[in-house]
Amino acid sequence: MSAVRRAALLTVAVLLLSQAGCAILAVGAVGGSAVALAHYNGKITETVPASIDEAATATESALIDLGLTVEFKRIGGRHGEIESTLANHEPLMIDLDQEPLPLPTDPPKTKIGIRISTFGDEKLSKRIFDQITHRLNNPAPPRPSLPPPPAPARETEEPPLAK
């Protein structure tokens, strides 16, 4: 085989390999996009007619109604986050975003987003939304506060008084 022919074959082989690398990158990018889209699609959102504080209180009450604990809660003026863990140890993340009001006299609206685990669980998310809606329409009664602990007895060196 001549040197020119070898060089031509080597050039073709290098070009094919470089194109295969691009194809692998393209497939990886498409696969990564699919994962990102599935992650994005795993979040279920719904807008409720309530302020962010009302929506956060209803969300917390709904989680308690469903036997879940609130592990993390941060509520600000326009955004809030509440996190919990399901019985099967999957993470539950709830985002609350106050919608902008076109007019100051318009009633407040809050967009609630629920994500279960990485890819979501639409059926369970809807069940949680139903409970949040129930709590918005039927607020939980205030939780009784615990009485303050008794004051510690003062110890003195004097004997107790006789009655």
C-alpha atoms as a PDB file:
ATOM      1  CA  MET A   1       0.000   0.000   0.000  1.00  0.00           C
ATOM      2  CA  SER A   2       1.380   3.351  -0.954  1.00  0.00           C
ATOM      3  CA  ALA A   3       2.120   6.092   1.515  1.00  0.00           C
ATOM      4  CA  VAL A   4      -0.440   8.360  -0.123  1.00  0.00           C
ATOM      5  CA  ARG A   5      -3.127   5.707   0.199  1.00  0.00           C
ATOM      6  CA  ARG A   6      -2.217   5.097   3.873  1.00  0.00           C
ATOM      7  CA  ALA A   7      -2.340   8.820   4.575  1.00  0.00           C
ATOM      8  CA  ALA A   8      -5.744   9.039   2.875  1.00  0.00           C
ATOM      9  CA  LEU A   9      -7.119   6.106   4.899  1.00  0.00           C
ATOM     10  CA  LEU A  10      -5.667   7.530   8.100  1.00  0.00           C
ATOM     11  CA  THR A  11      -7.278  10.891   7.342  1.00  0.00           C
ATOM     12  CA  VAL A  12     -10.659   9.239   6.701  1.00  0.00           C
ATOM     13  CA  ALA A  13     -10.347   7.189   9.909  1.00  0.00           C
ATOM     14  CA  VAL A  14      -9.530  10.303  11.949  1.00  0.00           C
ATOM     15  CA  LEU A  15     -12.464  12.160  10.416  1.00  0.00           C
ATOM     16  CA  LEU A  16     -14.830   9.268  11.163  1.00  0.00           C
ATOM     17  CA  LEU A  17     -13.627   9.053  14.750  1.00  0.00           C
ATOM     18  CA  SER A  18     -13.967  12.778  15.239  1.00  0.00           C
ATOM     19  CA  GLN A  19     -17.505  12.665  13.837  1.00  0.00           C
ATOM     20  CA  ALA A  20     -18.323   9.698  16.064  1.00  0.00           C
ATOM     21  CA  GLY A  21     -17.173  11.779  19.019  1.00  0.00           C
ATOM     22  CA  CYS A  22     -19.539  14.556  17.960  1.00  0.00           C
ATOM     23  CA  ALA A  23     -22.314  12.013  17.617  1.00  0.00           C
ATOM     24  CA  ILE A  24     -21.599  10.723  21.116  1.00  0.00           C
ATOM     25  CA  LEU A  25     -21.638  14.288  22.430  1.00  0.00           C
ATOM     26  CA  ALA A  26     -24.884  15.000  20.567  1.00  0.00           C
ATOM     27  CA  VAL A  27     -26.506  11.856  21.986  1.00  0.00           C
ATOM     28  CA  GLY A  28     -25.245  12.821  25.444  1.00  0.00           C
ATOM     29  CA  ALA A  29     -26.668  16.329  25.072  1.00  0.00           C
ATOM     30  CA  VAL A  30     -30.035  14.976  23.935  1.00  0.00           C
ATOM     31  CA  GLY A  31     -30.021  12.473  26.808  1.00  0.00           C
ATOM     32  CA  GLY A  32     -29.115  15.228  29.275  1.00  0.00           C
ATOM     33  CA  SER A  33     -31.904  17.382  27.873  1.00  0.00           C
ATOM     34  CA  ALA A  34     -34.341  14.525  28.316  1.00  0.00           C
ATOM     35  CA  VAL A  35     -33.273  14.131  31.940  1.00  0.00           C
ATOM     36  CA  ALA A  36     -33.614  17.886  32.518  1.00  0.00           C
ATOM     37  CA  LEU A  37     -37.043  17.866  30.856  1.00  0.00           C
ATOM     38  CA  ALA A  38     -38.154  14.901  32.966  1.00  0.00           C
ATOM     39  CA  HIS A  39     -36.874  16.708  36.072  1.00  0.00           C
ATOM     40  CA  TYR A  40     -38.722  19.864  35.002  1.00  0.00           C
ATOM     41  CA  ASN A  41     -41.862  17.880  34.161  1.00  0.00           C
ATOM     42  CA  GLY A  42     -41.702  16.142  37.551  1.00  0.00           C
ATOM     43  CA  LYS A  43     -42.704  19.391  39.245  1.00  0.00           C
ATOM     44  CA  ILE A  44     -46.453  19.928  39.394  1.00  0.00           C
ATOM     45  CA  THR A  45     -47.625  23.525  39.880  1.00  0.00           C
ATOM     46  CA  GLU A  46     -50.959  25.077  40.732  1.00  0.00           C
ATOM     47  CA  THR A  47     -51.979  28.638  41.571  1.00  0.00           C
ATOM     48  CA  VAL A  48     -54.204  29.231  44.584  1.00  0.00           C
ATOM     49  CA  PRO A  49     -56.107  32.378  45.635  1.00  0.00           C
ATOM     50  CA  ALA A  50     -54.146  33.060  48.817  1.00  0.00           C
ATOM     51  CA  SER A  51     -51.240  35.079  50.148  1.00  0.00           C
ATOM     52  CA  ILE A  52     -47.910  33.344  50.515  1.00  0.00           C
ATOM     53  CA  ASP A  53     -48.383  33.187  54.315  1.00  0.00           C
ATOM     54  CA  GLU A  54     -51.853  31.635  53.969  1.00  0.00           C
ATOM     55  CA  ALA A  55     -50.553  29.134  51.403  1.00  0.00           C
ATOM     56  CA  ALA A  56     -47.579  28.230  53.635  1.00  0.00           C
ATOM     57  CA  THR A  57     -49.849  27.685  56.665  1.00  0.00           C
ATOM     58  CA  ALA A  58     -52.251  25.559  54.613  1.00  0.00           C
ATOM     59  CA  THR A  59     -49.346  23.569  53.145  1.00  0.00           C
ATOM     60  CA  GLU A  60     -47.862  22.896  56.567  1.00  0.00           C
ATOM     61  CA  SER A  61     -51.279  21.837  57.936  1.00  0.00           C
ATOM     62  CA  ALA A  62     -51.866  19.609  54.898  1.00  0.00           C
ATOM     63  CA  LEU A  63     -48.538  17.835  55.406  1.00  0.00           C
ATOM     64  CA  ILE A  64     -49.366  17.235  59.072  1.00  0.00           C
ATOM     65  CA  ASP A  65     -52.828  15.929  58.060  1.00  0.00           C
ATOM     66  CA  LEU A  66     -51.097  13.454  55.743  1.00  0.00           C
ATOM     67  CA  GLY A  67     -48.787  12.255  58.524  1.00  0.00           C
ATOM     68  CA  LEU A  68     -45.681  14.041  57.220  1.00  0.00           C
ATOM     69  CA  THR A  69     -43.337  16.266  59.159  1.00  0.00           C
ATOM     70  CA  VAL A  70     -42.043  19.631  58.055  1.00  0.00           C
ATOM     71  CA  GLU A  71     -38.267  19.238  58.077  1.00  0.00           C
ATOM     72  CA  PHE A  72     -37.353  22.607  56.593  1.00  0.00           C
ATOM     73  CA  LYS A  73     -39.383  25.772  56.137  1.00  0.00           C
ATOM     74  CA  ARG A  74     -38.295  29.168  54.878  1.00  0.00           C
ATOM     75  CA  ILE A  75     -40.983  31.678  53.973  1.00  0.00           C
ATOM     76  CA  GLY A  76     -40.071  35.129  52.702  1.00  0.00           C
ATOM     77  CA  GLY A  77     -42.112  37.993  51.346  1.00  0.00           C
ATOM     78  CA  ARG A  78     -42.451  36.607  47.809  1.00  0.00           C
ATOM     79  CA  HIS A  79     -40.937  33.097  47.887  1.00  0.00           C
ATOM     80  CA  GLY A  80     -41.031  30.156  50.260  1.00  0.00           C
ATOM     81  CA  GLU A  81     -39.783  26.584  50.499  1.00  0.00           C
ATOM     82  CA  ILE A  82     -41.079  23.685  52.562  1.00  0.00           C
ATOM     83  CA  GLU A  83     -39.389  20.289  52.598  1.00  0.00           C
ATOM     84  CA  SER A  84     -40.450  16.923  53.966  1.00  0.00           C
ATOM     85  CA  THR A  85     -39.710  13.236  53.449  1.00  0.00           C
ATOM     86  CA  LEU A  86     -42.247  10.599  52.451  1.00  0.00           C
ATOM     87  CA  ALA A  87     -42.624   7.296  54.283  1.00  0.00           C
ATOM     88  CA  ASN A  88     -40.479   5.595  51.597  1.00  0.00           C
ATOM     89  CA  HIS A  89     -37.696   8.157  52.290  1.00  0.00           C
ATOM     90  CA  GLU A  90     -38.216  10.063  49.020  1.00  0.00           C
ATOM     91  CA  PRO A  91     -37.767  13.826  49.326  1.00  0.00           C
ATOM     92  CA  LEU A  92     -40.775  16.120  48.984  1.00  0.00           C
ATOM     93  CA  MET A  93     -40.046  19.733  48.030  1.00  0.00           C
ATOM     94  CA  ILE A  94     -42.704  22.442  47.875  1.00  0.00           C
ATOM     95  CA  ASP A  95     -42.028  25.909  46.443  1.00  0.00           C
ATOM     96  CA  LEU A  96     -44.354  28.851  47.026  1.00  0.00           C
ATOM     97  CA  ASP A  97     -44.153  31.941  44.815  1.00  0.00           C
ATOM     98  CA  GLN A  98     -46.332  35.025  45.294  1.00  0.00           C
ATOM     99  CA  GLU A  99     -47.759  36.024  41.913  1.00  0.00           C
ATOM    100  CA  PRO A 100     -47.394  39.693  40.943  1.00  0.00           C
ATOM    101  CA  LEU A 101     -50.626  41.677  41.212  1.00  0.00           C
ATOM    102  CA  PRO A 102     -51.691  43.791  38.218  1.00  0.00           C
ATOM    103  CA  LEU A 103     -53.472  46.176  40.606  1.00  0.00           C
ATOM    104  CA  PRO A 104     -52.797  46.686  44.312  1.00  0.00           C
ATOM    105  CA  THR A 105     -56.457  45.926  45.108  1.00  0.00           C
ATOM    106  CA  ASP A 106     -56.394  42.516  43.373  1.00  0.00           C
ATOM    107  CA  PRO A 107     -56.584  39.502  45.687  1.00  0.00           C
ATOM    108  CA  PRO A 108     -53.256  37.724  46.256  1.00  0.00           C
ATOM    109  CA  LYS A 109     -52.363  34.533  44.396  1.00  0.00           C
ATOM    110  CA  THR A 110     -49.602  32.066  45.159  1.00  0.00           C
ATOM    111  CA  LYS A 111     -48.146  29.491  42.775  1.00  0.00           C
ATOM    112  CA  ILE A 112     -47.359  26.248  44.602  1.00  0.00           C
ATOM    113  CA  GLY A 113     -44.944  23.760  43.036  1.00  0.00           C
ATOM    114  CA  ILE A 114     -44.607  20.204  44.328  1.00  0.00           C
ATOM    115  CA  ARG A 115     -41.775  17.865  43.405  1.00  0.00           C
ATOM    116  CA  ILE A 116     -41.519  14.349  44.751  1.00  0.00           C
ATOM    117  CA  SER A 117     -38.088  12.769  44.399  1.00  0.00           C
ATOM    118  CA  THR A 118     -36.255  13.482  41.144  1.00  0.00           C
ATOM    119  CA  PHE A 119     -38.871  12.779  38.505  1.00  0.00           C
ATOM    120  CA  GLY A 120     -42.078  13.440  40.441  1.00  0.00           C
ATOM    121  CA  ASP A 121     -45.223  11.506  41.235  1.00  0.00           C
ATOM    122  CA  GLU A 122     -48.227  13.214  39.650  1.00  0.00           C
ATOM    123  CA  LYS A 123     -50.861  11.193  41.506  1.00  0.00           C
ATOM    124  CA  LEU A 124     -49.349  11.840  44.934  1.00  0.00           C
ATOM    125  CA  SER A 125     -48.667  15.502  44.108  1.00  0.00           C
ATOM    126  CA  LYS A 126     -52.350  15.974  43.225  1.00  0.00           C
ATOM    127  CA  ARG A 127     -53.334  14.329  46.499  1.00  0.00           C
ATOM    128  CA  ILE A 128     -51.141  16.803  48.393  1.00  0.00           C
ATOM    129  CA  PHE A 129     -52.635  19.698  46.362  1.00  0.00           C
ATOM    130  CA  ASP A 130     -56.139  18.497  47.260  1.00  0.00           C
ATOM    131  CA  GLN A 131     -55.218  18.536  50.949  1.00  0.00           C
ATOM    132  CA  ILE A 132     -53.665  22.026  50.647  1.00  0.00           C
ATOM    133  CA  THR A 133     -56.851  23.278  48.942  1.00  0.00           C
ATOM    134  CA  HIS A 134     -58.917  21.670  51.697  1.00  0.00           C
ATOM    135  CA  ARG A 135     -56.828  23.461  54.332  1.00  0.00           C
ATOM    136  CA  LEU A 136     -57.129  26.792  52.498  1.00  0.00           C
ATOM    137  CA  ASN A 137     -60.926  26.396  52.612  1.00  0.00           C
ATOM    138  CA  ASN A 138     -60.964  24.832  56.103  1.00  0.00           C
ATOM    139  CA  PRO A 139     -58.067  26.172  58.166  1.00  0.00           C
ATOM    140  CA  ALA A 140     -56.803  23.866  60.871  1.00  0.00           C
ATOM    141  CA  PRO A 141     -57.771  24.861  64.387  1.00  0.00           C
ATOM    142  CA  PRO A 142     -54.974  26.574  66.285  1.00  0.00           C
ATOM    143  CA  ARG A 143     -52.708  24.106  67.970  1.00  0.00           C
ATOM    144  CA  PRO A 144     -52.952  24.330  71.739  1.00  0.00           C
ATOM    145  CA  SER A 145     -49.862  25.826  73.213  1.00  0.00           C
ATOM    146  CA  LEU A 146     -48.181  23.933  75.976  1.00  0.00           C
ATOM    147  CA  PRO A 147     -48.295  25.491  79.432  1.00  0.00           C
ATOM    148  CA  PRO A 148     -45.000  26.964  80.551  1.00  0.00           C
ATOM    149  CA  PRO A 149     -42.868  24.625  82.643  1.00  0.00           C
ATOM    150  CA  PRO A 150     -43.161  25.139  86.393  1.00  0.00           C
ATOM    151  CA  ALA A 151     -40.615  27.423  87.956  1.00  0.00           C
ATOM    152  CA  PRO A 152     -37.839  25.534  89.729  1.00  0.00           C
ATOM    153  CA  ALA A 153     -38.178  25.366  93.490  1.00  0.00           C
ATOM    154  CA  ARG A 154     -35.897  27.727  95.313  1.00  0.00           C
ATOM    155  CA  GLU A 155     -33.523  26.018  97.600  1.00  0.00           C
ATOM    156  CA  THR A 156     -32.735  27.809 100.834  1.00  0.00           C
ATOM    157  CA  GLU A 157     -30.820  26.891 103.892  1.00  0.00           C
ATOM    158  CA  GLU A 158     -33.789  27.713 106.118  1.00  0.00           C
ATOM    159  CA  PRO A 159     -36.047  24.914 107.316  1.00  0.00           C
ATOM    160  CA  PRO A 160     -39.608  24.942 105.936  1.00  0.00           C
ATOM    161  CA  LEU A 161     -42.134  26.950 107.912  1.00  0.00           C
ATOM    162  CA  ALA A 162     -44.418  25.037 110.205  1.00  0.00           C
ATOM    163  CA  LYS A 163     -48.093  25.281 109.472  1.00  0.00           C
END
